């Protein structure tokens, strides 16, 4: 007796799902590196806006592949669509990184780059419930429990980062001196001996790198979940360890 042949349409859908997860796995850190370098470094400056558009476009493409899986599941499609809205926003904002690196004092370019930072963190937040919804359609209970636990932790960390970023940007737009005044008030009611001016100087000099440092942990956990989901699909459906 031979096993019945697998459904070609299902295999094709799962193949696109695996490709989408792989592209998202590699695209997230690549987008972070390229966007930071486009704004602050010289690696991609000769290429202009092309690198940032390519990497953010890659994330949009990965979501279009994910959307083809279980297209009758409305909750799953809604989760993919929410993430794709922010992916398209990031794609539209990405060329401004290069232009801002050329004219960093321009207020409009600065505002757009700040919006890109906020929408980038929000995109990573929305990727996590998307993974929860995906694992709910897979037959691995252990994977579902692990995904739920780590995505909740990720979302709390990223939500704190998002709120702090938004608060800082709003205060800077209202009054550039407002963050220093706010820190002075915090230091007056706390036992910390540091001066607000010193903290503001550090934030101004290393602000993007501070955000990058704190975002690496949830990014790494999201990548680990993406890889494990892909491995489970390959092992259980295709019967191969990759």
Foldseek 3Di string as FASTA:
>chain_A
DDDDDDDPVLVVLLVLLLVLLVLQLVLLVQLVVQLCCLQPNDPCLVVQLVSNLVSLVSNLSSLVSNCSHPVVDPVLNVLSVVLNVLSVLLNVLRNLSNVCSVVVVDVVSVVSVLVNVLSSLVSLLSVLVSLLVVVVPPPDPVLNVVSVVLSVVLNVLSVVLNVVSVVQVVQCVVPVCRQLVVVQVVCVVDVDPDHSVVVVVCCVVCVVVVSVVSNVVSSVSSSVSSVVVSQVCCCPPVVDGD
